[in-house]
Amino acid sequence: MKILVVDDNPDAAELLKLVLQPYGDVDTAAEGLQALDKIRQAWEQGQPFELILLDVLMPKMDGLEALSVLRREERSRGIADAQRTKVIMITAYADEENMQRALSIGCEGYVFKTAGKNKILDRLRVLGLIE
């Protein structure tokens, strides 16, 4: 599985990378614009990301805006909902408004960073990405 972790906190990104490495190739980006560049490159190479863990609060372009652009570009490329990239939003803050907005834009999950490794892996199992 090809995975992208997007988080402006390098320690958090590294921790997520360590959790996810047993399940695939993990790349990282520090903010939304960089993530979108990597996503577009992966599409052009014919090797799209299957999973993106996307931090909500980041500089330049936050996770909600990046998710919105991603979903719009998937539609413009003719990518069916069943084939689109699975996105799990990650955040350090319990913010009901951002969670509802992310779900309405089209994320497949919302996980608090403090929830730990098992919560992330449980979400991946629910999505059918790991056993």
N, C-alpha and C. Protein backbone atom coordinates (compact mmCIF):
# COMPACT_ATOMS: atom_id res chain seq x y z
N MET A 1 0.85 -1.17 0.00
CA MET A 1 0.00 0.00 0.00
C MET A 1 0.90 1.24 0.00
N LYS A 2 0.51 2.23 -0.77
CA LYS A 2 1.24 3.49 -0.84
C LYS A 2 0.52 4.50 0.06
N ILE A 3 1.27 5.06 1.03
CA ILE A 3 0.69 5.89 2.09
C ILE A 3 1.40 7.24 2.13
N LEU A 4 0.62 8.30 2.38
CA LEU A 4 1.17 9.63 2.57
C LEU A 4 0.71 10.15 3.93
N VAL A 5 1.69 10.57 4.74
CA VAL A 5 1.42 11.19 6.03
C VAL A 5 1.68 12.69 5.88
N VAL A 6 0.68 13.50 6.18
CA VAL A 6 0.81 14.95 6.03
C VAL A 6 0.63 15.59 7.40
N ASP A 7 1.72 16.12 7.93
CA ASP A 7 1.69 16.74 9.26
C ASP A 7 2.84 17.73 9.36
N ASP A 8 2.57 18.92 9.85
CA ASP A 8 3.61 19.94 9.98
C ASP A 8 4.51 19.72 11.19
N ASN A 9 4.12 18.80 12.06
CA ASN A 9 4.94 18.46 13.22
C ASN A 9 5.80 17.26 12.84
N PRO A 10 7.13 17.48 12.68
CA PRO A 10 7.98 16.37 12.23
C PRO A 10 7.99 15.16 13.17
N ASP A 11 7.86 15.39 14.46
CA ASP A 11 7.83 14.27 15.41
C ASP A 11 6.57 13.43 15.23
N ALA A 12 5.43 14.11 15.06
CA ALA A 12 4.17 13.40 14.85
C ALA A 12 4.21 12.64 13.53
N ALA A 13 4.75 13.27 12.49
CA ALA A 13 4.85 12.61 11.18
C ALA A 13 5.73 11.37 11.27
N GLU A 14 6.82 11.48 11.98
CA GLU A 14 7.73 10.33 12.11
C GLU A 14 7.09 9.19 12.89
N LEU A 15 6.35 9.53 13.93
CA LEU A 15 5.66 8.50 14.72
C LEU A 15 4.62 7.78 13.85
N LEU A 16 3.84 8.53 13.09
CA LEU A 16 2.85 7.91 12.20
C LEU A 16 3.54 7.05 11.14
N LYS A 17 4.66 7.53 10.64
CA LYS A 17 5.41 6.77 9.65
C LYS A 17 5.85 5.42 10.23
N LEU A 18 6.33 5.43 11.45
CA LEU A 18 6.76 4.18 12.10
C LEU A 18 5.59 3.22 12.29
N VAL A 19 4.42 3.76 12.65
CA VAL A 19 3.23 2.92 12.84
C VAL A 19 2.80 2.28 11.52
N LEU A 20 2.91 3.03 10.43
CA LEU A 20 2.38 2.59 9.14
C LEU A 20 3.35 1.81 8.27
N GLN A 21 4.65 1.91 8.52
CA GLN A 21 5.64 1.25 7.67
C GLN A 21 5.44 -0.25 7.50
N PRO A 22 4.97 -0.98 8.51
CA PRO A 22 4.75 -2.41 8.29
C PRO A 22 3.66 -2.71 7.25
N TYR A 23 2.87 -1.69 6.87
CA TYR A 23 1.74 -1.91 5.98
C TYR A 23 1.94 -1.34 4.58
N GLY A 24 3.09 -0.71 4.34
CA GLY A 24 3.32 -0.18 3.00
C GLY A 24 4.45 0.81 2.93
N ASP A 25 4.56 1.45 1.77
CA ASP A 25 5.57 2.48 1.54
C ASP A 25 4.99 3.81 2.01
N VAL A 26 5.68 4.44 2.95
CA VAL A 26 5.18 5.66 3.57
C VAL A 26 6.03 6.85 3.16
N ASP A 27 5.38 7.88 2.62
CA ASP A 27 6.01 9.15 2.30
C ASP A 27 5.41 10.19 3.23
N THR A 28 6.08 11.34 3.35
CA THR A 28 5.57 12.40 4.22
C THR A 28 5.57 13.73 3.49
N ALA A 29 4.72 14.62 3.97
CA ALA A 29 4.67 16.01 3.51
C ALA A 29 4.40 16.87 4.74
N ALA A 30 4.92 18.10 4.71
CA ALA A 30 4.81 18.96 5.88
C ALA A 30 3.60 19.88 5.86
N GLU A 31 2.91 19.97 4.72
CA GLU A 31 1.72 20.81 4.65
C GLU A 31 0.93 20.46 3.38
N GLY A 32 -0.26 21.06 3.26
CA GLY A 32 -1.19 20.69 2.22
C GLY A 32 -0.70 20.89 0.79
N LEU A 33 -0.05 22.00 0.51
CA LEU A 33 0.42 22.25 -0.86
C LEU A 33 1.45 21.20 -1.28
N GLN A 34 2.38 20.90 -0.39
CA GLN A 34 3.38 19.87 -0.68
C GLN A 34 2.71 18.51 -0.87
N ALA A 35 1.70 18.23 -0.06
CA ALA A 35 0.98 16.96 -0.19
C ALA A 35 0.31 16.86 -1.55
N LEU A 36 -0.35 17.92 -1.99
CA LEU A 36 -1.02 17.89 -3.29
C LEU A 36 -0.03 17.70 -4.43
N ASP A 37 1.15 18.29 -4.31
CA ASP A 37 2.19 18.07 -5.33
C ASP A 37 2.57 16.59 -5.39
N LYS A 38 2.74 15.97 -4.23
CA LYS A 38 3.11 14.55 -4.19
C LYS A 38 1.98 13.67 -4.72
N ILE A 39 0.75 14.04 -4.41
CA ILE A 39 -0.41 13.29 -4.88
C ILE A 39 -0.49 13.35 -6.40
N ARG A 40 -0.30 14.55 -6.96
CA ARG A 40 -0.35 14.71 -8.42
C ARG A 40 0.78 13.93 -9.10
N GLN A 41 1.96 13.98 -8.53
CA GLN A 41 3.09 13.21 -9.09
C GLN A 41 2.78 11.72 -9.08
N ALA A 42 2.18 11.25 -7.99
CA ALA A 42 1.84 9.82 -7.89
C ALA A 42 0.81 9.44 -8.96
N TRP A 43 -0.17 10.30 -9.20
CA TRP A 43 -1.15 10.05 -10.27
C TRP A 43 -0.45 9.97 -11.62
N GLU A 44 0.44 10.94 -11.88
CA GLU A 44 1.13 10.99 -13.18
C GLU A 44 2.00 9.75 -13.39
N GLN A 45 2.53 9.20 -12.31
CA GLN A 45 3.37 8.00 -12.40
C GLN A 45 2.53 6.73 -12.43
N GLY A 46 1.22 6.88 -12.32
CA GLY A 46 0.34 5.71 -12.32
C GLY A 46 0.40 4.90 -11.04
N GLN A 47 0.88 5.53 -9.96
CA GLN A 47 0.99 4.86 -8.67
C GLN A 47 0.38 5.74 -7.57
N PRO A 48 -0.93 5.90 -7.59
CA PRO A 48 -1.57 6.81 -6.63
C PRO A 48 -1.48 6.30 -5.19
N PHE A 49 -1.57 7.23 -4.27
CA PHE A 49 -1.62 6.87 -2.86
C PHE A 49 -2.95 6.18 -2.59
N GLU A 50 -2.92 5.13 -1.79
CA GLU A 50 -4.14 4.44 -1.39
C GLU A 50 -4.68 5.00 -0.08
N LEU A 51 -3.77 5.57 0.73
CA LEU A 51 -4.15 6.09 2.03
C LEU A 51 -3.39 7.38 2.30
N ILE A 52 -4.11 8.37 2.84
CA ILE A 52 -3.48 9.61 3.28
C ILE A 52 -3.96 9.89 4.69
N LEU A 53 -3.02 10.12 5.59
CA LEU A 53 -3.33 10.62 6.92
C LEU A 53 -3.03 12.10 6.89
N LEU A 54 -4.02 12.93 7.13
CA LEU A 54 -3.95 14.35 6.86
C LEU A 54 -4.27 15.16 8.11
N ASP A 55 -3.27 15.89 8.59
CA ASP A 55 -3.45 16.76 9.76
C ASP A 55 -4.43 17.88 9.40
N VAL A 56 -5.27 18.24 10.35
CA VAL A 56 -6.26 19.28 10.10
C VAL A 56 -5.61 20.66 10.11
N LEU A 57 -4.83 20.97 11.14
CA LEU A 57 -4.27 22.31 11.29
C LEU A 57 -2.82 22.34 10.85
N MET A 58 -2.57 23.05 9.73
CA MET A 58 -1.21 23.19 9.19
C MET A 58 -1.08 24.58 8.58
N PRO A 59 0.15 25.07 8.43
CA PRO A 59 0.36 26.37 7.78
C PRO A 59 0.17 26.27 6.26
N LYS A 60 0.10 27.40 5.61
CA LYS A 60 -0.04 27.54 4.15
C LYS A 60 -1.38 26.99 3.67
N MET A 61 -1.57 25.68 3.71
CA MET A 61 -2.84 25.07 3.33
C MET A 61 -3.18 24.02 4.37
N ASP A 62 -4.30 24.22 5.06
CA ASP A 62 -4.66 23.26 6.11
C ASP A 62 -5.23 21.98 5.50
N GLY A 63 -5.45 21.01 6.35
CA GLY A 63 -5.90 19.70 5.89
C GLY A 63 -7.28 19.71 5.26
N LEU A 64 -8.17 20.54 5.76
CA LEU A 64 -9.52 20.60 5.20
C LEU A 64 -9.50 21.15 3.78
N GLU A 65 -8.71 22.18 3.56
CA GLU A 65 -8.59 22.73 2.20
C GLU A 65 -7.93 21.72 1.27
N ALA A 66 -6.88 21.06 1.75
CA ALA A 66 -6.19 20.04 0.94
C ALA A 66 -7.15 18.90 0.58
N LEU A 67 -7.97 18.47 1.53
CA LEU A 67 -8.94 17.41 1.28
C LEU A 67 -9.95 17.86 0.22
N SER A 68 -10.40 19.08 0.32
CA SER A 68 -11.35 19.62 -0.64
C SER A 68 -10.76 19.64 -2.06
N VAL A 69 -9.52 20.10 -2.18
CA VAL A 69 -8.84 20.12 -3.49
C VAL A 69 -8.65 18.70 -4.01
N LEU A 70 -8.23 17.79 -3.14
CA LEU A 70 -8.03 16.39 -3.53
C LEU A 70 -9.32 15.81 -4.11
N ARG A 71 -10.43 15.96 -3.39
CA ARG A 71 -11.69 15.38 -3.85
C ARG A 71 -12.14 16.02 -5.17
N ARG A 72 -11.95 17.32 -5.33
CA ARG A 72 -12.31 18.00 -6.56
C ARG A 72 -11.47 17.48 -7.73
N GLU A 73 -10.17 17.31 -7.51
CA GLU A 73 -9.29 16.82 -8.57
C GLU A 73 -9.57 15.36 -8.91
N GLU A 74 -9.92 14.56 -7.91
CA GLU A 74 -10.31 13.17 -8.21
C GLU A 74 -11.53 13.14 -9.12
N ARG A 75 -12.52 13.97 -8.81
CA ARG A 75 -13.72 14.02 -9.67
C ARG A 75 -13.37 14.48 -11.08
N SER A 76 -12.50 15.49 -11.20
CA SER A 76 -12.14 15.99 -12.54
C SER A 76 -11.34 14.96 -13.33
N ARG A 77 -10.66 14.05 -12.65
CA ARG A 77 -9.91 12.98 -13.31
C ARG A 77 -10.78 11.75 -13.59
N GLY A 78 -12.04 11.82 -13.19
CA GLY A 78 -12.95 10.71 -13.43
C GLY A 78 -12.74 9.53 -12.49
N ILE A 79 -12.13 9.77 -11.34
CA ILE A 79 -11.90 8.71 -10.37
C ILE A 79 -13.21 8.46 -9.61
N ALA A 80 -13.71 7.26 -9.70
CA ALA A 80 -14.97 6.90 -9.02
C ALA A 80 -14.77 6.90 -7.51
N ASP A 81 -15.85 7.15 -6.80
CA ASP A 81 -15.77 7.18 -5.33
C ASP A 81 -15.15 5.91 -4.76
N ALA A 82 -15.46 4.77 -5.33
CA ALA A 82 -14.94 3.50 -4.82
C ALA A 82 -13.43 3.38 -5.01
N GLN A 83 -12.86 4.12 -5.96
CA GLN A 83 -11.43 4.05 -6.24
C GLN A 83 -10.64 5.23 -5.67
N ARG A 84 -11.33 6.18 -5.07
CA ARG A 84 -10.61 7.35 -4.60
C ARG A 84 -9.72 7.01 -3.40
N THR A 85 -8.77 7.88 -3.15
CA THR A 85 -7.85 7.71 -2.04
C THR A 85 -8.59 7.76 -0.71
N LYS A 86 -8.29 6.84 0.17
CA LYS A 86 -8.87 6.86 1.52
C LYS A 86 -8.11 7.91 2.33
N VAL A 87 -8.86 8.79 2.99
CA VAL A 87 -8.24 9.87 3.78
C VAL A 87 -8.75 9.79 5.21
N ILE A 88 -7.80 9.74 6.12
CA ILE A 88 -8.10 9.81 7.54
C ILE A 88 -7.54 11.12 8.06
N MET A 89 -8.40 11.95 8.58
CA MET A 89 -7.96 13.22 9.16
C MET A 89 -7.40 12.93 10.55
N ILE A 90 -6.32 13.61 10.88
CA ILE A 90 -5.72 13.47 12.21
C ILE A 90 -5.63 14.85 12.84
N THR A 91 -5.87 14.91 14.13
CA THR A 91 -5.83 16.20 14.81
C THR A 91 -5.50 16.02 16.28
N ALA A 92 -4.96 17.08 16.85
CA ALA A 92 -4.66 17.08 18.27
C ALA A 92 -5.80 17.68 19.08
N TYR A 93 -6.79 18.27 18.37
CA TYR A 93 -7.86 19.00 19.04
C TYR A 93 -9.22 18.37 18.78
N ALA A 94 -10.02 18.30 19.83
CA ALA A 94 -11.39 17.81 19.70
C ALA A 94 -12.26 18.97 19.24
N ASP A 95 -12.49 19.06 17.94
CA ASP A 95 -13.23 20.17 17.36
C ASP A 95 -14.35 19.60 16.49
N GLU A 96 -15.56 19.61 17.03
CA GLU A 96 -16.72 19.01 16.35
C GLU A 96 -16.98 19.66 14.99
N GLU A 97 -16.80 20.98 14.90
CA GLU A 97 -17.06 21.67 13.64
C GLU A 97 -16.12 21.20 12.53
N ASN A 98 -14.82 21.11 12.82
CA ASN A 98 -13.86 20.63 11.82
C ASN A 98 -14.11 19.17 11.47
N MET A 99 -14.49 18.37 12.47
CA MET A 99 -14.76 16.97 12.20
C MET A 99 -15.94 16.83 11.24
N GLN A 100 -17.01 17.55 11.50
CA GLN A 100 -18.19 17.48 10.63
C GLN A 100 -17.87 18.00 9.23
N ARG A 101 -17.08 19.05 9.16
CA ARG A 101 -16.71 19.60 7.85
C ARG A 101 -15.88 18.58 7.06
N ALA A 102 -14.91 17.95 7.72
CA ALA A 102 -14.07 16.95 7.05
C ALA A 102 -14.91 15.78 6.54
N LEU A 103 -15.84 15.31 7.34
CA LEU A 103 -16.69 14.21 6.92
C LEU A 103 -17.58 14.61 5.75
N SER A 104 -18.05 15.85 5.75
CA SER A 104 -18.90 16.30 4.64
C SER A 104 -18.10 16.49 3.36
N ILE A 105 -16.82 16.84 3.46
CA ILE A 105 -15.96 16.98 2.28
C ILE A 105 -15.64 15.61 1.70
N GLY A 106 -15.52 14.61 2.58
CA GLY A 106 -15.31 13.26 2.08
C GLY A 106 -14.15 12.49 2.66
N CYS A 107 -13.83 12.71 3.93
CA CYS A 107 -12.80 11.85 4.54
C CYS A 107 -13.46 10.55 4.99
N GLU A 108 -12.65 9.53 5.15
CA GLU A 108 -13.16 8.22 5.59
C GLU A 108 -12.99 7.99 7.08
N GLY A 109 -12.43 8.95 7.77
CA GLY A 109 -12.25 8.80 9.20
C GLY A 109 -11.62 10.02 9.81
N TYR A 110 -11.72 10.10 11.11
CA TYR A 110 -11.22 11.25 11.86
C TYR A 110 -10.65 10.69 13.15
N VAL A 111 -9.35 10.84 13.36
CA VAL A 111 -8.69 10.22 14.51
C VAL A 111 -7.92 11.29 15.27
N PHE A 112 -8.03 11.26 16.58
CA PHE A 112 -7.27 12.17 17.42
C PHE A 112 -5.86 11.61 17.62
N LYS A 113 -4.88 12.47 17.53
CA LYS A 113 -3.48 12.03 17.65
C LYS A 113 -3.23 11.33 18.98
N THR A 114 -3.93 11.73 19.99
CA THR A 114 -3.74 11.12 21.31
C THR A 114 -4.37 9.74 21.42
N ALA A 115 -5.15 9.35 20.41
CA ALA A 115 -5.85 8.06 20.46
C ALA A 115 -4.88 6.89 20.37
N GLY A 116 -3.73 7.09 19.75
CA GLY A 116 -2.72 6.05 19.71
C GLY A 116 -2.78 5.14 18.50
N LYS A 117 -1.80 4.28 18.46
CA LYS A 117 -1.57 3.36 17.34
C LYS A 117 -2.77 2.46 17.07
N ASN A 118 -3.33 1.87 18.11
CA ASN A 118 -4.42 0.90 17.92
C ASN A 118 -5.64 1.52 17.27
N LYS A 119 -5.96 2.76 17.62
CA LYS A 119 -7.12 3.43 17.04
C LYS A 119 -6.91 3.65 15.54
N ILE A 120 -5.71 4.04 15.15
CA ILE A 120 -5.38 4.23 13.73
C ILE A 120 -5.48 2.90 13.00
N LEU A 121 -4.89 1.86 13.55
CA LEU A 121 -4.92 0.55 12.91
C LEU A 121 -6.34 -0.01 12.85
N ASP A 122 -7.13 0.24 13.88
CA ASP A 122 -8.54 -0.19 13.84
C ASP A 122 -9.28 0.49 12.69
N ARG A 123 -9.00 1.76 12.46
CA ARG A 123 -9.66 2.49 11.37
C ARG A 123 -9.24 1.91 10.02
N LEU A 124 -7.97 1.53 9.89
CA LEU A 124 -7.49 0.93 8.65
C LEU A 124 -8.16 -0.43 8.41
N ARG A 125 -8.41 -1.17 9.47
CA ARG A 125 -9.11 -2.46 9.34
C ARG A 125 -10.55 -2.23 8.88
N VAL A 126 -11.22 -1.25 9.47
CA VAL A 126 -12.60 -0.93 9.08
C VAL A 126 -12.67 -0.58 7.60
N LEU A 127 -11.66 0.12 7.11
CA LEU A 127 -11.63 0.52 5.69
C LEU A 127 -11.18 -0.61 4.77
N GLY A 128 -10.80 -1.75 5.37
CA GLY A 128 -10.36 -2.89 4.57
C GLY A 128 -8.96 -2.74 3.99
N LEU A 129 -8.16 -1.85 4.58
CA LEU A 129 -6.82 -1.62 4.08
C LEU A 129 -5.78 -2.57 4.69
N ILE A 130 -6.07 -3.08 5.87
CA ILE A 130 -5.21 -4.08 6.50
C ILE A 130 -6.09 -5.13 7.14
N GLU A 131 -5.48 -6.27 7.48
CA GLU A 131 -6.23 -7.35 8.15
C GLU A 131 -6.07 -7.26 9.64
